[in-house]
Amino acid sequence: MADPRVHPAAAADETPPPPSSVSSAATTPNHSGEHPTPPNPQPSKPIPPPSTYVVQFPREQILRYPPPENASKYQNLTRRKNNRSCCRRCCCYTLCLLLLLVISAAVSAGVLYLVFRFKSPRYAVTNIAISGMNLTSAAPISPGFDVTIRVENPNGKVGIDYLRGSVVGVFYNNVNLRDGILPAFYQPRRNVTVLETALRGSDVVLGGTVRRSLRSAQSQRRVPFVVRVRAPVKIKVGSIKTWEITFRVNCDVVVDALSRTAGIVSQDCDYSVRLW
């Protein structure tokens, strides 16, 4: 029995493609009997190097957006700059305020002087009684001074209000022998007030040099003392009072003895004002 399957046509029915010149040349020998060398293949194109790009950022953007590894440093520097700026502003404001206060005080003093012709008060020590100045031994002394001070206000339109806290002291060669206080009082215009204050010291230690100097001055009947007064006051013009200012008075007083009957040989009082 015959095979019923259908077989494809033989390959000879198909026309084979013509051989290429390369293959023909490779397979066909030349006249010398040697196979020719195949031609060199065409060289491939060289690969260009990778391109380099330069990216430029504005300086502001670099400072504003630091890299992550420098973010903490940038924050610390920014915080320090902010703190310094705050401190500088506070110092500037404080200096400006102080300058404004000084200018205001100077302007007020100038107006007070020009409008009301303010005259300085006059001070004088009219009497000083001394006790307890025992210079014969090296033991501590307990000196006493009864000081009488004459205060004159020569102004015709200005009153002076002496506040609490006035201090008076007696010194010899910068040695404080005793401090005391002055009473608070109001002194009207063109007025003279006499103040008496008692100063009592205790256990005042004098060095050998000071003792010898006091004995020498007593023998010459010229013992120099310094009476210092510091008084807080307010100047009153009509119903208006100024802020608190300070009067400072230094009186160089020379007495003829260290006793209660001591007489004043000479004196010279210096006066100054502290506006704040």
C-alpha atoms as a PDB file:
ATOM      1  CA  MET A   1       0.000   0.000   0.000  1.00  0.00           C
ATOM      2  CA  ALA A   2       1.342   3.324  -1.015  1.00  0.00           C
ATOM      3  CA  ASP A   3       2.208   6.066   1.551  1.00  0.00           C
ATOM      4  CA  PRO A   4      -0.557   8.682   1.414  1.00  0.00           C
ATOM      5  CA  ARG A   5       1.644  11.545   2.805  1.00  0.00           C
ATOM      6  CA  VAL A   6       2.635  14.367   0.466  1.00  0.00           C
ATOM      7  CA  HIS A   7       6.348  15.234   0.478  1.00  0.00           C
ATOM      8  CA  PRO A   8       7.555  18.775  -0.311  1.00  0.00           C
ATOM      9  CA  ALA A   9       9.246  19.497  -3.521  1.00  0.00           C
ATOM     10  CA  ALA A  10      12.885  18.917  -3.769  1.00  0.00           C
ATOM     11  CA  ALA A  11      15.195  21.764  -2.997  1.00  0.00           C
ATOM     12  CA  ALA A  12      16.511  21.598  -6.500  1.00  0.00           C
ATOM     13  CA  ASP A  13      13.271  23.196  -7.718  1.00  0.00           C
ATOM     14  CA  GLU A  14      14.217  26.364  -5.889  1.00  0.00           C
ATOM     15  CA  THR A  15      16.799  28.670  -7.401  1.00  0.00           C
ATOM     16  CA  PRO A  16      19.677  29.189  -4.977  1.00  0.00           C
ATOM     17  CA  PRO A  17      20.846  32.735  -4.372  1.00  0.00           C
ATOM     18  CA  PRO A  18      23.931  33.811  -6.240  1.00  0.00           C
ATOM     19  CA  PRO A  19      27.082  33.619  -4.179  1.00  0.00           C
ATOM     20  CA  SER A  20      28.512  36.880  -2.983  1.00  0.00           C
ATOM     21  CA  SER A  21      31.681  38.243  -4.333  1.00  0.00           C
ATOM     22  CA  VAL A  22      33.390  37.861  -1.041  1.00  0.00           C
ATOM     23  CA  SER A  23      32.513  34.235  -0.729  1.00  0.00           C
ATOM     24  CA  SER A  24      33.464  33.644  -4.352  1.00  0.00           C
ATOM     25  CA  ALA A  25      36.761  35.262  -3.908  1.00  0.00           C
ATOM     26  CA  ALA A  26      37.348  33.311  -0.805  1.00  0.00           C
ATOM     27  CA  THR A  27      36.534  29.973  -2.358  1.00  0.00           C
ATOM     28  CA  THR A  28      37.903  30.493  -5.866  1.00  0.00           C
ATOM     29  CA  PRO A  29      41.634  29.985  -6.110  1.00  0.00           C
ATOM     30  CA  ASN A  30      43.716  32.422  -8.100  1.00  0.00           C
ATOM     31  CA  HIS A  31      45.920  31.526 -10.980  1.00  0.00           C
ATOM     32  CA  SER A  32      48.895  30.952  -8.736  1.00  0.00           C
ATOM     33  CA  GLY A  33      47.073  28.255  -6.905  1.00  0.00           C
ATOM     34  CA  GLU A  34      47.016  30.164  -3.559  1.00  0.00           C
ATOM     35  CA  HIS A  35      43.946  31.312  -1.808  1.00  0.00           C
ATOM     36  CA  PRO A  36      43.835  35.096  -1.546  1.00  0.00           C
ATOM     37  CA  THR A  37      43.706  36.713   1.866  1.00  0.00           C
ATOM     38  CA  PRO A  38      40.326  37.980   2.804  1.00  0.00           C
ATOM     39  CA  PRO A  39      40.046  41.756   2.866  1.00  0.00           C
ATOM     40  CA  ASN A  40      40.430  43.559   6.199  1.00  0.00           C
ATOM     41  CA  PRO A  41      37.141  44.349   7.780  1.00  0.00           C
ATOM     42  CA  GLN A  42      36.271  48.095   7.945  1.00  0.00           C
ATOM     43  CA  PRO A  43      37.435  49.502  11.314  1.00  0.00           C
ATOM     44  CA  SER A  44      34.655  50.593  13.688  1.00  0.00           C
ATOM     45  CA  LYS A  45      34.211  54.301  14.627  1.00  0.00           C
ATOM     46  CA  PRO A  46      35.991  55.394  17.881  1.00  0.00           C
ATOM     47  CA  ILE A  47      33.729  55.923  20.882  1.00  0.00           C
ATOM     48  CA  PRO A  48      33.800  59.584  21.969  1.00  0.00           C
ATOM     49  CA  PRO A  49      34.744  60.277  25.610  1.00  0.00           C
ATOM     50  CA  PRO A  50      31.922  61.104  27.976  1.00  0.00           C
ATOM     51  CA  SER A  51      31.044  64.804  27.963  1.00  0.00           C
ATOM     52  CA  THR A  52      31.789  67.002  30.994  1.00  0.00           C
ATOM     53  CA  TYR A  53      29.153  69.500  32.170  1.00  0.00           C
ATOM     54  CA  VAL A  54      29.840  72.482  34.471  1.00  0.00           C
ATOM     55  CA  VAL A  55      26.821  73.582  36.480  1.00  0.00           C
ATOM     56  CA  GLN A  56      27.049  76.987  38.183  1.00  0.00           C
ATOM     57  CA  PHE A  57      24.814  77.991  41.080  1.00  0.00           C
ATOM     58  CA  PRO A  58      24.330  81.537  42.377  1.00  0.00           C
ATOM     59  CA  ARG A  59      26.206  82.286  45.590  1.00  0.00           C
ATOM     60  CA  GLU A  60      22.995  83.178  47.400  1.00  0.00           C
ATOM     61  CA  GLN A  61      21.512  79.801  46.572  1.00  0.00           C
ATOM     62  CA  ILE A  62      24.620  77.993  47.783  1.00  0.00           C
ATOM     63  CA  LEU A  63      24.536  79.814  51.124  1.00  0.00           C
ATOM     64  CA  ARG A  64      20.813  79.401  51.460  1.00  0.00           C
ATOM     65  CA  TYR A  65      20.765  75.736  50.667  1.00  0.00           C
ATOM     66  CA  PRO A  66      23.928  74.158  52.095  1.00  0.00           C
ATOM     67  CA  PRO A  67      24.691  70.510  51.522  1.00  0.00           C
ATOM     68  CA  PRO A  68      23.388  68.086  54.146  1.00  0.00           C
ATOM     69  CA  GLU A  69      26.817  67.510  55.682  1.00  0.00           C
ATOM     70  CA  ASN A  70      27.183  71.258  56.348  1.00  0.00           C
ATOM     71  CA  ALA A  71      23.598  71.967  57.410  1.00  0.00           C
ATOM     72  CA  SER A  72      24.347  71.790  61.143  1.00  0.00           C
ATOM     73  CA  LYS A  73      27.361  74.105  60.806  1.00  0.00           C
ATOM     74  CA  TYR A  74      25.277  76.558  58.826  1.00  0.00           C
ATOM     75  CA  GLN A  75      22.564  76.556  61.485  1.00  0.00           C
ATOM     76  CA  ASN A  76      25.112  77.164  64.259  1.00  0.00           C
ATOM     77  CA  LEU A  77      26.678  80.067  62.368  1.00  0.00           C
ATOM     78  CA  THR A  78      23.263  81.534  61.628  1.00  0.00           C
ATOM     79  CA  ARG A  79      22.258  81.269  65.297  1.00  0.00           C
ATOM     80  CA  ARG A  80      25.479  82.977  66.393  1.00  0.00           C
ATOM     81  CA  LYS A  81      24.968  85.790  63.909  1.00  0.00           C
ATOM     82  CA  ASN A  82      21.407  86.284  65.094  1.00  0.00           C
ATOM     83  CA  ASN A  83      22.528  86.395  68.750  1.00  0.00           C
ATOM     84  CA  ARG A  84      25.255  88.901  67.943  1.00  0.00           C
ATOM     85  CA  SER A  85      22.807  91.030  66.019  1.00  0.00           C
ATOM     86  CA  CYS A  86      20.382  91.035  68.971  1.00  0.00           C
ATOM     87  CA  CYS A  87      23.165  92.013  71.384  1.00  0.00           C
ATOM     88  CA  ARG A  88      24.301  94.803  69.103  1.00  0.00           C
ATOM     89  CA  ARG A  89      20.789  96.137  68.782  1.00  0.00           C
ATOM     90  CA  CYS A  90      20.284  96.061  72.556  1.00  0.00           C
ATOM     91  CA  CYS A  91      23.579  97.897  73.118  1.00  0.00           C
ATOM     92  CA  CYS A  92      22.666 100.506  70.512  1.00  0.00           C
ATOM     93  CA  TYR A  93      19.236 101.038  72.072  1.00  0.00           C
ATOM     94  CA  THR A  94      20.764 101.358  75.561  1.00  0.00           C
ATOM     95  CA  LEU A  95      23.389 103.847  74.408  1.00  0.00           C
ATOM     96  CA  CYS A  96      20.767 105.867  72.569  1.00  0.00           C
ATOM     97  CA  LEU A  97      18.570 105.917  75.679  1.00  0.00           C
ATOM     98  CA  LEU A  98      21.447 107.045  77.890  1.00  0.00           C
ATOM     99  CA  LEU A  99      22.405 109.708  75.385  1.00  0.00           C
ATOM    100  CA  LEU A 100      18.803 110.901  75.280  1.00  0.00           C
ATOM    101  CA  LEU A 101      18.686 111.112  79.087  1.00  0.00           C
ATOM    102  CA  VAL A 102      21.937 113.065  79.213  1.00  0.00           C
ATOM    103  CA  ILE A 103      20.712 115.462  76.546  1.00  0.00           C
ATOM    104  CA  SER A 104      17.381 115.897  78.350  1.00  0.00           C
ATOM    105  CA  ALA A 105      19.136 116.609  81.662  1.00  0.00           C
ATOM    106  CA  ALA A 106      21.469 119.110  80.008  1.00  0.00           C
ATOM    107  CA  VAL A 107      18.576 120.831  78.268  1.00  0.00           C
ATOM    108  CA  SER A 108      16.574 120.973  81.502  1.00  0.00           C
ATOM    109  CA  ALA A 109      19.515 122.403  83.408  1.00  0.00           C
ATOM    110  CA  GLY A 110      20.101 124.947  80.675  1.00  0.00           C
ATOM    111  CA  VAL A 111      16.451 126.010  80.648  1.00  0.00           C
ATOM    112  CA  LEU A 112      16.430 126.201  84.453  1.00  0.00           C
ATOM    113  CA  TYR A 113      19.492 128.407  84.435  1.00  0.00           C
ATOM    114  CA  LEU A 114      18.433 130.664  81.586  1.00  0.00           C
ATOM    115  CA  VAL A 115      14.807 131.129  82.606  1.00  0.00           C
ATOM    116  CA  PHE A 116      15.115 131.273  86.382  1.00  0.00           C
ATOM    117  CA  ARG A 117      18.767 132.324  86.688  1.00  0.00           C
ATOM    118  CA  PHE A 118      19.502 129.502  89.121  1.00  0.00           C
ATOM    119  CA  LYS A 119      22.253 130.311  91.594  1.00  0.00           C
ATOM    120  CA  SER A 120      24.242 127.775  93.541  1.00  0.00           C
ATOM    121  CA  PRO A 121      23.426 127.403  97.249  1.00  0.00           C
ATOM    122  CA  ARG A 122      26.041 128.646  99.672  1.00  0.00           C
ATOM    123  CA  TYR A 123      27.360 126.507 102.525  1.00  0.00           C
ATOM    124  CA  ALA A 124      29.552 127.370 105.499  1.00  0.00           C
ATOM    125  CA  VAL A 125      30.620 125.681 108.743  1.00  0.00           C
ATOM    126  CA  THR A 126      30.011 128.237 111.482  1.00  0.00           C
ATOM    127  CA  ASN A 127      30.969 126.143 114.505  1.00  0.00           C
ATOM    128  CA  ILE A 128      32.611 122.816 115.320  1.00  0.00           C
ATOM    129  CA  ALA A 129      32.960 121.436 118.860  1.00  0.00           C
ATOM    130  CA  ILE A 130      35.367 118.511 119.289  1.00  0.00           C
ATOM    131  CA  SER A 131      35.547 115.956 122.094  1.00  0.00           C
ATOM    132  CA  GLY A 132      37.105 112.551 122.765  1.00  0.00           C
ATOM    133  CA  MET A 133      40.343 113.212 120.844  1.00  0.00           C
ATOM    134  CA  ASN A 134      42.755 111.511 123.245  1.00  0.00           C
ATOM    135  CA  LEU A 135      46.140 111.368 121.529  1.00  0.00           C
ATOM    136  CA  THR A 136      48.293 110.403 124.514  1.00  0.00           C
ATOM    137  CA  SER A 137      47.822 106.629 124.158  1.00  0.00           C
ATOM    138  CA  ALA A 138      47.636 104.145 121.296  1.00  0.00           C
ATOM    139  CA  ALA A 139      44.149 102.961 122.303  1.00  0.00           C
ATOM    140  CA  PRO A 140      41.188 103.500 119.910  1.00  0.00           C
ATOM    141  CA  ILE A 141      39.430 106.831 120.353  1.00  0.00           C
ATOM    142  CA  SER A 142      35.750 107.824 120.389  1.00  0.00           C
ATOM    143  CA  PRO A 143      35.694 111.307 118.867  1.00  0.00           C
ATOM    144  CA  GLY A 144      32.664 113.565 118.886  1.00  0.00           C
ATOM    145  CA  PHE A 145      31.904 116.499 116.587  1.00  0.00           C
ATOM    146  CA  ASP A 146      29.042 118.949 116.967  1.00  0.00           C
ATOM    147  CA  VAL A 147      28.924 120.685 113.606  1.00  0.00           C
ATOM    148  CA  THR A 148      26.845 123.737 112.732  1.00  0.00           C
ATOM    149  CA  ILE A 149      26.265 124.325 108.998  1.00  0.00           C
ATOM    150  CA  ARG A 150      24.769 127.448 107.474  1.00  0.00           C
ATOM    151  CA  VAL A 151      22.801 126.845 104.233  1.00  0.00           C
ATOM    152  CA  GLU A 152      21.720 129.773 102.058  1.00  0.00           C
ATOM    153  CA  ASN A 153      19.385 129.678  99.058  1.00  0.00           C
ATOM    154  CA  PRO A 154      19.992 132.924  97.102  1.00  0.00           C
ATOM    155  CA  ASN A 155      17.456 132.174  94.343  1.00  0.00           C
ATOM    156  CA  GLY A 156      14.403 134.394  94.031  1.00  0.00           C
ATOM    157  CA  LYS A 157      12.173 131.892  92.153  1.00  0.00           C
ATOM    158  CA  VAL A 158      13.525 128.464  93.076  1.00  0.00           C
ATOM    159  CA  GLY A 159      13.060 126.421  96.262  1.00  0.00           C
ATOM    160  CA  ILE A 160      15.191 123.451  97.330  1.00  0.00           C
ATOM    161  CA  ASP A 161      13.699 120.347  98.891  1.00  0.00           C
ATOM    162  CA  TYR A 162      16.340 118.436 100.902  1.00  0.00           C
ATOM    163  CA  LEU A 163      15.320 114.773 101.026  1.00  0.00           C
ATOM    164  CA  ARG A 164      16.051 112.032 103.512  1.00  0.00           C
ATOM    165  CA  GLY A 165      19.414 110.309 103.173  1.00  0.00           C
ATOM    166  CA  SER A 166      21.728 113.291 103.597  1.00  0.00           C
ATOM    167  CA  VAL A 167      25.140 112.332 104.994  1.00  0.00           C
ATOM    168  CA  VAL A 168      27.789 114.471 106.678  1.00  0.00           C
ATOM    169  CA  GLY A 169      31.261 113.255 107.660  1.00  0.00           C
ATOM    170  CA  VAL A 170      34.464 114.596 109.240  1.00  0.00           C
ATOM    171  CA  PHE A 171      37.849 113.500 107.829  1.00  0.00           C
ATOM    172  CA  TYR A 172      41.472 114.036 108.749  1.00  0.00           C
ATOM    173  CA  ASN A 173      44.098 113.065 106.142  1.00  0.00           C
ATOM    174  CA  ASN A 174      41.417 110.968 104.386  1.00  0.00           C
ATOM    175  CA  VAL A 175      40.729 109.099 107.634  1.00  0.00           C
ATOM    176  CA  ASN A 176      36.987 109.013 108.357  1.00  0.00           C
ATOM    177  CA  LEU A 177      36.532 110.014 111.978  1.00  0.00           C
ATOM    178  CA  ARG A 178      32.736 109.900 112.000  1.00  0.00           C
ATOM    179  CA  ASP A 179      29.622 110.025 109.778  1.00  0.00           C
ATOM    180  CA  GLY A 180      26.211 111.450 110.583  1.00  0.00           C
ATOM    181  CA  ILE A 181      22.989 112.587 108.929  1.00  0.00           C
ATOM    182  CA  LEU A 182      21.279 115.859 108.179  1.00  0.00           C
ATOM    183  CA  PRO A 183      17.532 116.351 108.670  1.00  0.00           C
ATOM    184  CA  ALA A 184      15.157 116.534 105.717  1.00  0.00           C
ATOM    185  CA  PHE A 185      13.680 119.992 105.196  1.00  0.00           C
ATOM    186  CA  TYR A 186      12.389 122.362 102.523  1.00  0.00           C
ATOM    187  CA  GLN A 187      14.234 125.606 101.967  1.00  0.00           C
ATOM    188  CA  PRO A 188      12.144 128.310 100.264  1.00  0.00           C
ATOM    189  CA  ARG A 189      13.521 130.998  97.995  1.00  0.00           C
ATOM    190  CA  ARG A 190      15.892 133.574  99.493  1.00  0.00           C
ATOM    191  CA  ASN A 191      16.176 131.723 102.754  1.00  0.00           C
ATOM    192  CA  VAL A 192      18.971 130.980 105.224  1.00  0.00           C
ATOM    193  CA  THR A 193      18.763 127.796 107.332  1.00  0.00           C
ATOM    194  CA  VAL A 194      21.157 126.788 110.111  1.00  0.00           C
ATOM    195  CA  LEU A 195      21.593 123.039 110.680  1.00  0.00           C
ATOM    196  CA  GLU A 196      23.144 121.439 113.728  1.00  0.00           C
ATOM    197  CA  THR A 197      24.234 117.820 113.699  1.00  0.00           C
ATOM    198  CA  ALA A 198      26.020 115.694 116.302  1.00  0.00           C
ATOM    199  CA  LEU A 199      28.543 113.136 115.080  1.00  0.00           C
ATOM    200  CA  ARG A 200      29.706 110.454 117.485  1.00  0.00           C
ATOM    201  CA  GLY A 201      32.405 107.919 116.682  1.00  0.00           C
ATOM    202  CA  SER A 202      33.549 104.820 118.554  1.00  0.00           C
ATOM    203  CA  ASP A 203      36.617 102.595 118.419  1.00  0.00           C
ATOM    204  CA  VAL A 204      38.371 104.644 115.749  1.00  0.00           C
ATOM    205  CA  VAL A 205      41.906 103.302 115.287  1.00  0.00           C
ATOM    206  CA  LEU A 206      44.526 105.885 114.378  1.00  0.00           C
ATOM    207  CA  GLY A 207      47.918 104.916 113.044  1.00  0.00           C
ATOM    208  CA  GLY A 208      51.123 106.183 114.580  1.00  0.00           C
ATOM    209  CA  THR A 209      51.712 108.593 111.690  1.00  0.00           C
ATOM    210  CA  VAL A 210      48.223 110.101 112.008  1.00  0.00           C
ATOM    211  CA  ARG A 211      48.590 110.509 115.769  1.00  0.00           C
ATOM    212  CA  ARG A 212      51.928 112.274 115.430  1.00  0.00           C
ATOM    213  CA  SER A 213      50.511 114.547 112.721  1.00  0.00           C
ATOM    214  CA  LEU A 214      47.522 115.471 114.899  1.00  0.00           C
ATOM    215  CA  ARG A 215      49.750 116.245 117.897  1.00  0.00           C
ATOM    216  CA  SER A 216      52.004 118.404 115.732  1.00  0.00           C
ATOM    217  CA  ALA A 217      49.022 120.306 114.251  1.00  0.00           C
ATOM    218  CA  GLN A 218      47.539 120.798 117.722  1.00  0.00           C
ATOM    219  CA  SER A 219      50.796 122.230 119.013  1.00  0.00           C
ATOM    220  CA  GLN A 220      50.750 124.708 116.100  1.00  0.00           C
ATOM    221  CA  ARG A 221      47.078 125.486 116.789  1.00  0.00           C
ATOM    222  CA  ARG A 222      46.148 124.708 113.179  1.00  0.00           C
ATOM    223  CA  VAL A 223      44.347 121.377 112.875  1.00  0.00           C
ATOM    224  CA  PRO A 224      42.862 120.842 109.387  1.00  0.00           C
ATOM    225  CA  PHE A 225      39.648 118.846 108.955  1.00  0.00           C
ATOM    226  CA  VAL A 226      37.419 118.211 105.954  1.00  0.00           C
ATOM    227  CA  VAL A 227      33.646 118.297 106.401  1.00  0.00           C
ATOM    228  CA  ARG A 228      31.889 116.499 103.547  1.00  0.00           C
ATOM    229  CA  VAL A 229      28.156 116.705 102.877  1.00  0.00           C
ATOM    230  CA  ARG A 230      26.169 114.643 100.377  1.00  0.00           C
ATOM    231  CA  ALA A 231      22.525 115.678 100.126  1.00  0.00           C
ATOM    232  CA  PRO A 232      19.839 114.397  97.722  1.00  0.00           C
ATOM    233  CA  VAL A 233      17.534 117.263  96.727  1.00  0.00           C
ATOM    234  CA  LYS A 234      14.792 118.263  94.307  1.00  0.00           C
ATOM    235  CA  ILE A 235      14.572 121.695  92.780  1.00  0.00           C
ATOM    236  CA  LYS A 236      11.079 123.175  93.019  1.00  0.00           C
ATOM    237  CA  VAL A 237       9.814 125.817  90.613  1.00  0.00           C
ATOM    238  CA  GLY A 238       6.242 126.780  91.443  1.00  0.00           C
ATOM    239  CA  SER A 239       4.389 123.473  91.716  1.00  0.00           C
ATOM    240  CA  ILE A 240       6.879 121.544  89.563  1.00  0.00           C
ATOM    241  CA  LYS A 241       9.757 119.524  91.000  1.00  0.00           C
ATOM    242  CA  THR A 242      12.715 118.096  89.170  1.00  0.00           C
ATOM    243  CA  TRP A 243      14.028 114.560  89.489  1.00  0.00           C
ATOM    244  CA  GLU A 244      16.333 113.714  92.381  1.00  0.00           C
ATOM    245  CA  ILE A 245      19.794 115.234  92.094  1.00  0.00           C
ATOM    246  CA  THR A 246      22.705 115.266  94.548  1.00  0.00           C
ATOM    247  CA  PHE A 247      24.503 118.207  96.093  1.00  0.00           C
ATOM    248  CA  ARG A 248      28.099 117.555  97.178  1.00  0.00           C
ATOM    249  CA  VAL A 249      29.859 119.968  99.537  1.00  0.00           C
ATOM    250  CA  ASN A 250      33.486 119.790 100.726  1.00  0.00           C
ATOM    251  CA  CYS A 251      34.557 122.275 103.387  1.00  0.00           C
ATOM    252  CA  ASP A 252      38.216 122.568 104.402  1.00  0.00           C
ATOM    253  CA  VAL A 253      38.034 123.752 108.009  1.00  0.00           C
ATOM    254  CA  VAL A 254      41.048 124.649 110.167  1.00  0.00           C
ATOM    255  CA  VAL A 255      40.526 124.825 113.949  1.00  0.00           C
ATOM    256  CA  ASP A 256      42.862 126.040 116.679  1.00  0.00           C
ATOM    257  CA  ALA A 257      42.279 123.234 119.212  1.00  0.00           C
ATOM    258  CA  LEU A 258      40.853 119.760 119.666  1.00  0.00           C
ATOM    259  CA  SER A 259      38.282 120.794 122.281  1.00  0.00           C
ATOM    260  CA  ARG A 260      34.668 121.841 122.577  1.00  0.00           C
ATOM    261  CA  THR A 261      35.706 125.478 122.547  1.00  0.00           C
ATOM    262  CA  ALA A 262      37.667 125.160 119.339  1.00  0.00           C
ATOM    263  CA  GLY A 263      37.591 128.189 117.099  1.00  0.00           C
ATOM    264  CA  ILE A 264      37.549 128.158 113.315  1.00  0.00           C
ATOM    265  CA  VAL A 265      40.726 129.736 111.939  1.00  0.00           C
ATOM    266  CA  SER A 266      39.811 129.429 108.240  1.00  0.00           C
ATOM    267  CA  GLN A 267      37.479 127.546 105.939  1.00  0.00           C
ATOM    268  CA  ASP A 268      36.856 127.077 102.237  1.00  0.00           C
ATOM    269  CA  CYS A 269      33.735 125.277 100.910  1.00  0.00           C
ATOM    270  CA  ASP A 270      33.449 123.818  97.427  1.00  0.00           C
ATOM    271  CA  TYR A 271      30.104 122.887  95.889  1.00  0.00           C
ATOM    272  CA  SER A 272      29.176 120.500  93.026  1.00  0.00           C
ATOM    273  CA  VAL A 273      26.038 118.931  91.562  1.00  0.00           C
ATOM    274  CA  ARG A 274      25.406 115.429  90.300  1.00  0.00           C
ATOM    275  CA  LEU A 275      22.403 115.440  87.964  1.00  0.00           C
ATOM    276  CA  TRP A 276      21.669 111.679  88.183  1.00  0.00           C
END
